[in-house]
Amino acid sequence: MKLGYNQAELVESPSRYLVCAGQTAVDGEGSPRHAGDMRGQIGLALDNLEAVLGAAGMGLANVVRLGVFTTDVDEALKNFDLLGERFGSIQCAPPMTLLGVTRLAMPGLLFEIEATAAA
């Protein structure tokens, strides 16, 4: 299965390095959204990741590593086209690890994505 990521990413002398905490499907007040909806949760988690990157003056094109955690790997993979739309449109394919987990930090969360970015 082709998932659209590189096996490695060489970063030579970045002037800025950002390590992002895991982003989930929560709103501005930290309340979980899209209960039971993997696609909705992936979309909001990506929105939140882009917001964190943007606050540091970066974007998805700066991402050099992704960690993805989900309570349902099969359902997440069915919706990975959302990652492809965001990263593929800018021709960015950072190395990634996808892990199935028993649960995430808050009940009801199905998907979490963390990133490392460099500029």
N, C-alpha and C. Protein backbone atom coordinates (compact mmCIF):
# COMPACT_ATOMS: atom_id res chain seq x y z
N MET A 1 0.84 -1.18 0.00
CA MET A 1 0.00 0.00 0.00
C MET A 1 0.89 1.24 0.00
N LYS A 2 0.66 2.13 -0.93
CA LYS A 2 1.43 3.37 -1.02
C LYS A 2 0.73 4.44 -0.19
N LEU A 3 1.42 4.94 0.84
CA LEU A 3 0.82 5.92 1.73
C LEU A 3 1.35 7.33 1.52
N GLY A 4 2.33 7.52 0.66
CA GLY A 4 2.79 8.86 0.32
C GLY A 4 3.69 9.51 1.35
N TYR A 5 4.70 8.79 1.80
CA TYR A 5 5.67 9.40 2.69
C TYR A 5 7.06 8.92 2.33
N ASN A 6 8.07 9.69 2.70
CA ASN A 6 9.46 9.33 2.45
C ASN A 6 9.97 8.46 3.59
N GLN A 7 11.00 7.67 3.32
CA GLN A 7 11.62 6.84 4.35
C GLN A 7 12.52 7.66 5.27
N ALA A 8 13.01 8.80 4.78
CA ALA A 8 13.89 9.65 5.57
C ALA A 8 13.84 11.07 5.02
N GLU A 9 14.24 12.01 5.84
CA GLU A 9 14.27 13.42 5.44
C GLU A 9 15.56 14.01 6.00
N LEU A 10 16.45 14.45 5.13
CA LEU A 10 17.71 15.06 5.54
C LEU A 10 17.49 16.56 5.71
N VAL A 11 17.79 17.07 6.90
CA VAL A 11 17.66 18.50 7.18
C VAL A 11 19.05 19.00 7.52
N GLU A 12 19.58 19.83 6.65
CA GLU A 12 20.92 20.34 6.85
C GLU A 12 20.87 21.75 7.42
N SER A 13 21.39 21.91 8.61
CA SER A 13 21.53 23.21 9.27
C SER A 13 20.25 24.03 9.30
N PRO A 14 19.18 23.53 9.90
CA PRO A 14 17.99 24.38 10.00
C PRO A 14 18.26 25.54 10.94
N SER A 15 17.71 26.69 10.64
CA SER A 15 17.87 27.82 11.54
C SER A 15 16.78 27.81 12.60
N ARG A 16 15.67 27.12 12.31
CA ARG A 16 14.57 27.00 13.26
C ARG A 16 14.06 25.57 13.25
N TYR A 17 13.77 25.04 14.43
CA TYR A 17 13.34 23.66 14.60
C TYR A 17 12.16 23.68 15.55
N LEU A 18 11.02 23.14 15.13
CA LEU A 18 9.80 23.17 15.92
C LEU A 18 9.32 21.75 16.18
N VAL A 19 9.08 21.43 17.43
CA VAL A 19 8.53 20.13 17.80
C VAL A 19 7.12 20.39 18.31
N CYS A 20 6.13 19.87 17.60
CA CYS A 20 4.72 20.10 17.95
C CYS A 20 4.18 18.95 18.78
N ALA A 21 3.43 19.27 19.81
CA ALA A 21 2.72 18.26 20.58
C ALA A 21 1.65 17.63 19.70
N GLY A 22 1.14 16.52 20.11
CA GLY A 22 0.08 15.86 19.36
C GLY A 22 -1.15 16.74 19.25
N GLN A 23 -1.67 16.85 18.04
CA GLN A 23 -2.86 17.65 17.78
C GLN A 23 -4.03 16.72 17.54
N THR A 24 -5.15 17.05 18.15
CA THR A 24 -6.34 16.22 18.07
C THR A 24 -7.52 17.06 17.60
N ALA A 25 -8.68 16.44 17.63
CA ALA A 25 -9.91 17.11 17.19
C ALA A 25 -10.57 17.81 18.37
N VAL A 26 -9.93 18.89 18.82
CA VAL A 26 -10.51 19.71 19.89
C VAL A 26 -10.69 21.13 19.37
N ASP A 27 -11.66 21.82 19.96
CA ASP A 27 -11.90 23.21 19.56
C ASP A 27 -10.98 24.14 20.37
N GLY A 28 -11.16 25.44 20.21
CA GLY A 28 -10.33 26.43 20.87
C GLY A 28 -10.36 26.38 22.38
N GLU A 29 -11.42 25.79 22.95
CA GLU A 29 -11.53 25.67 24.40
C GLU A 29 -11.04 24.30 24.88
N GLY A 30 -10.57 23.46 23.97
CA GLY A 30 -10.06 22.14 24.33
C GLY A 30 -11.12 21.06 24.43
N SER A 31 -12.32 21.34 23.93
CA SER A 31 -13.39 20.35 23.96
C SER A 31 -13.33 19.46 22.73
N PRO A 32 -13.42 18.14 22.92
CA PRO A 32 -13.40 17.22 21.78
C PRO A 32 -14.57 17.48 20.83
N ARG A 33 -14.33 17.29 19.54
CA ARG A 33 -15.34 17.47 18.50
C ARG A 33 -15.38 16.23 17.62
N HIS A 34 -16.45 16.09 16.87
CA HIS A 34 -16.63 15.01 15.88
C HIS A 34 -16.61 13.62 16.52
N ALA A 35 -17.37 13.44 17.58
CA ALA A 35 -17.45 12.14 18.26
C ALA A 35 -17.82 11.03 17.27
N GLY A 36 -17.03 9.97 17.27
CA GLY A 36 -17.30 8.82 16.42
C GLY A 36 -17.04 9.03 14.94
N ASP A 37 -16.51 10.17 14.55
CA ASP A 37 -16.31 10.53 13.14
C ASP A 37 -14.81 10.67 12.85
N MET A 38 -14.19 9.58 12.40
CA MET A 38 -12.75 9.59 12.14
C MET A 38 -12.38 10.67 11.13
N ARG A 39 -13.14 10.77 10.06
CA ARG A 39 -12.81 11.75 9.01
C ARG A 39 -12.86 13.18 9.57
N GLY A 40 -13.90 13.48 10.33
CA GLY A 40 -14.01 14.80 10.94
C GLY A 40 -12.87 15.07 11.91
N GLN A 41 -12.48 14.04 12.67
CA GLN A 41 -11.39 14.22 13.62
C GLN A 41 -10.05 14.42 12.92
N ILE A 42 -9.80 13.69 11.86
CA ILE A 42 -8.54 13.87 11.12
C ILE A 42 -8.49 15.29 10.56
N GLY A 43 -9.58 15.74 9.96
CA GLY A 43 -9.62 17.09 9.39
C GLY A 43 -9.34 18.17 10.42
N LEU A 44 -9.98 18.07 11.59
CA LEU A 44 -9.78 19.08 12.63
C LEU A 44 -8.38 18.99 13.23
N ALA A 45 -7.86 17.79 13.41
CA ALA A 45 -6.50 17.63 13.91
C ALA A 45 -5.50 18.28 12.94
N LEU A 46 -5.71 18.11 11.65
CA LEU A 46 -4.84 18.75 10.66
C LEU A 46 -4.98 20.27 10.69
N ASP A 47 -6.22 20.76 10.86
CA ASP A 47 -6.42 22.20 11.01
C ASP A 47 -5.64 22.72 12.21
N ASN A 48 -5.72 21.99 13.32
CA ASN A 48 -5.02 22.42 14.53
C ASN A 48 -3.52 22.37 14.35
N LEU A 49 -3.02 21.35 13.64
CA LEU A 49 -1.59 21.28 13.35
C LEU A 49 -1.15 22.48 12.52
N GLU A 50 -1.93 22.80 11.49
CA GLU A 50 -1.59 23.95 10.66
C GLU A 50 -1.60 25.24 11.47
N ALA A 51 -2.50 25.36 12.43
CA ALA A 51 -2.55 26.55 13.28
C ALA A 51 -1.29 26.68 14.15
N VAL A 52 -0.84 25.56 14.72
CA VAL A 52 0.37 25.57 15.54
C VAL A 52 1.58 25.94 14.68
N LEU A 53 1.67 25.32 13.51
CA LEU A 53 2.77 25.64 12.60
C LEU A 53 2.73 27.11 12.19
N GLY A 54 1.53 27.60 11.86
CA GLY A 54 1.37 28.99 11.44
C GLY A 54 1.79 29.97 12.52
N ALA A 55 1.50 29.65 13.77
CA ALA A 55 1.88 30.52 14.88
C ALA A 55 3.40 30.65 15.00
N ALA A 56 4.12 29.67 14.47
CA ALA A 56 5.58 29.71 14.48
C ALA A 56 6.14 30.22 13.16
N GLY A 57 5.26 30.70 12.28
CA GLY A 57 5.72 31.19 10.98
C GLY A 57 6.10 30.08 10.03
N MET A 58 5.51 28.91 10.21
CA MET A 58 5.79 27.76 9.36
C MET A 58 4.48 27.22 8.78
N GLY A 59 4.60 26.23 7.93
CA GLY A 59 3.44 25.57 7.35
C GLY A 59 3.73 24.09 7.16
N LEU A 60 2.81 23.40 6.55
CA LEU A 60 2.98 21.96 6.33
C LEU A 60 4.23 21.65 5.52
N ALA A 61 4.64 22.54 4.65
CA ALA A 61 5.83 22.32 3.83
C ALA A 61 7.10 22.22 4.68
N ASN A 62 7.04 22.73 5.92
CA ASN A 62 8.20 22.68 6.81
C ASN A 62 8.27 21.39 7.62
N VAL A 63 7.25 20.56 7.55
CA VAL A 63 7.20 19.34 8.36
C VAL A 63 8.21 18.33 7.83
N VAL A 64 9.05 17.81 8.76
CA VAL A 64 10.07 16.83 8.38
C VAL A 64 9.83 15.48 9.05
N ARG A 65 8.81 15.39 9.91
CA ARG A 65 8.51 14.12 10.59
C ARG A 65 7.09 14.17 11.15
N LEU A 66 6.34 13.08 10.97
CA LEU A 66 5.00 12.96 11.53
C LEU A 66 4.89 11.70 12.37
N GLY A 67 4.18 11.82 13.46
CA GLY A 67 3.79 10.67 14.27
C GLY A 67 2.27 10.67 14.32
N VAL A 68 1.65 9.57 13.95
CA VAL A 68 0.19 9.48 13.91
C VAL A 68 -0.23 8.35 14.85
N PHE A 69 -1.22 8.65 15.69
CA PHE A 69 -1.74 7.69 16.65
C PHE A 69 -3.25 7.60 16.45
N THR A 70 -3.78 6.39 16.44
CA THR A 70 -5.21 6.22 16.24
C THR A 70 -5.71 5.01 17.01
N THR A 71 -6.96 5.09 17.39
CA THR A 71 -7.59 3.97 18.07
C THR A 71 -8.14 2.94 17.08
N ASP A 72 -8.11 3.28 15.79
CA ASP A 72 -8.61 2.37 14.75
C ASP A 72 -7.80 2.58 13.48
N VAL A 73 -6.75 1.79 13.32
CA VAL A 73 -5.84 1.94 12.18
C VAL A 73 -6.59 1.79 10.85
N ASP A 74 -7.44 0.79 10.73
CA ASP A 74 -8.14 0.56 9.47
C ASP A 74 -9.01 1.76 9.09
N GLU A 75 -9.74 2.30 10.05
CA GLU A 75 -10.60 3.45 9.77
C GLU A 75 -9.76 4.69 9.45
N ALA A 76 -8.64 4.87 10.13
CA ALA A 76 -7.76 6.00 9.83
C ALA A 76 -7.23 5.88 8.40
N LEU A 77 -6.79 4.70 8.03
CA LEU A 77 -6.24 4.51 6.68
C LEU A 77 -7.29 4.78 5.60
N LYS A 78 -8.55 4.47 5.88
CA LYS A 78 -9.61 4.77 4.92
C LYS A 78 -9.74 6.26 4.67
N ASN A 79 -9.27 7.06 5.60
CA ASN A 79 -9.41 8.51 5.51
C ASN A 79 -8.08 9.23 5.34
N PHE A 80 -7.04 8.48 5.00
CA PHE A 80 -5.72 9.09 4.83
C PHE A 80 -5.65 9.98 3.60
N ASP A 81 -6.67 9.92 2.75
CA ASP A 81 -6.69 10.84 1.62
C ASP A 81 -6.67 12.30 2.10
N LEU A 82 -7.15 12.55 3.32
CA LEU A 82 -7.11 13.90 3.87
C LEU A 82 -5.67 14.38 4.06
N LEU A 83 -4.80 13.48 4.53
CA LEU A 83 -3.39 13.84 4.64
C LEU A 83 -2.80 14.05 3.25
N GLY A 84 -3.19 13.17 2.32
CA GLY A 84 -2.70 13.30 0.95
C GLY A 84 -3.10 14.61 0.31
N GLU A 85 -4.33 15.05 0.57
CA GLU A 85 -4.79 16.33 0.02
C GLU A 85 -3.95 17.48 0.54
N ARG A 86 -3.67 17.48 1.82
CA ARG A 86 -2.94 18.60 2.43
C ARG A 86 -1.45 18.56 2.10
N PHE A 87 -0.84 17.40 2.28
CA PHE A 87 0.60 17.30 2.05
C PHE A 87 0.92 17.10 0.57
N GLY A 88 0.11 16.33 -0.13
CA GLY A 88 0.37 16.07 -1.55
C GLY A 88 0.25 17.31 -2.41
N SER A 89 -0.68 18.19 -2.06
CA SER A 89 -0.87 19.40 -2.85
C SER A 89 0.34 20.33 -2.80
N ILE A 90 1.18 20.17 -1.77
CA ILE A 90 2.40 20.99 -1.66
C ILE A 90 3.64 20.14 -1.89
N GLN A 91 3.43 18.91 -2.38
CA GLN A 91 4.50 17.97 -2.68
C GLN A 91 5.44 17.76 -1.50
N CYS A 92 4.83 17.54 -0.34
CA CYS A 92 5.56 17.28 0.89
C CYS A 92 5.18 15.88 1.36
N ALA A 93 6.17 15.03 1.58
CA ALA A 93 5.93 13.66 2.01
C ALA A 93 6.88 13.30 3.15
N PRO A 94 6.66 13.89 4.33
CA PRO A 94 7.59 13.65 5.44
C PRO A 94 7.54 12.20 5.92
N PRO A 95 8.66 11.71 6.48
CA PRO A 95 8.63 10.39 7.09
C PRO A 95 7.54 10.36 8.16
N MET A 96 6.91 9.20 8.30
CA MET A 96 5.76 9.10 9.19
C MET A 96 5.73 7.73 9.85
N THR A 97 5.25 7.72 11.09
CA THR A 97 4.95 6.47 11.77
C THR A 97 3.49 6.50 12.16
N LEU A 98 2.77 5.42 11.89
CA LEU A 98 1.37 5.26 12.24
C LEU A 98 1.27 4.15 13.28
N LEU A 99 0.69 4.48 14.43
CA LEU A 99 0.56 3.51 15.51
C LEU A 99 -0.89 3.37 15.95
N GLY A 100 -1.32 2.15 16.14
CA GLY A 100 -2.62 1.89 16.74
C GLY A 100 -2.46 1.87 18.25
N VAL A 101 -3.35 2.56 18.94
CA VAL A 101 -3.28 2.65 20.39
C VAL A 101 -4.63 2.26 21.01
N THR A 102 -4.61 1.91 22.26
CA THR A 102 -5.83 1.51 22.95
C THR A 102 -6.76 2.70 23.14
N ARG A 103 -6.18 3.84 23.51
CA ARG A 103 -6.97 5.06 23.68
C ARG A 103 -6.04 6.26 23.61
N LEU A 104 -6.63 7.44 23.45
CA LEU A 104 -5.88 8.69 23.45
C LEU A 104 -6.20 9.43 24.75
N ALA A 105 -5.66 10.63 24.91
CA ALA A 105 -5.73 11.35 26.18
C ALA A 105 -7.15 11.59 26.70
N MET A 106 -8.06 11.93 25.79
CA MET A 106 -9.44 12.20 26.21
C MET A 106 -10.38 11.18 25.60
N PRO A 107 -11.36 10.73 26.37
CA PRO A 107 -12.34 9.80 25.82
C PRO A 107 -12.99 10.38 24.56
N GLY A 108 -13.19 9.51 23.58
CA GLY A 108 -13.83 9.93 22.34
C GLY A 108 -12.87 10.34 21.24
N LEU A 109 -11.62 10.65 21.59
CA LEU A 109 -10.65 11.00 20.55
C LEU A 109 -10.21 9.74 19.84
N LEU A 110 -10.15 9.81 18.52
CA LEU A 110 -9.81 8.66 17.68
C LEU A 110 -8.48 8.83 16.96
N PHE A 111 -7.97 10.07 16.87
CA PHE A 111 -6.84 10.38 15.99
C PHE A 111 -6.00 11.49 16.62
N GLU A 112 -4.68 11.34 16.55
CA GLU A 112 -3.76 12.37 17.02
C GLU A 112 -2.57 12.40 16.09
N ILE A 113 -2.09 13.60 15.79
CA ILE A 113 -0.94 13.75 14.90
C ILE A 113 0.05 14.72 15.51
N GLU A 114 1.32 14.30 15.58
CA GLU A 114 2.37 15.18 16.05
C GLU A 114 3.36 15.41 14.92
N ALA A 115 4.05 16.53 14.97
CA ALA A 115 4.95 16.87 13.87
C ALA A 115 6.22 17.52 14.38
N THR A 116 7.26 17.34 13.60
CA THR A 116 8.50 18.08 13.77
C THR A 116 8.69 18.87 12.48
N ALA A 117 9.03 20.15 12.63
CA ALA A 117 9.19 21.01 11.45
C ALA A 117 10.53 21.74 11.55
N ALA A 118 11.07 22.09 10.40
CA ALA A 118 12.34 22.80 10.34
C ALA A 118 12.28 23.85 9.24
N ALA A 119 12.96 24.94 9.49
CA ALA A 119 13.02 26.02 8.50
C ALA A 119 14.42 26.57 8.43
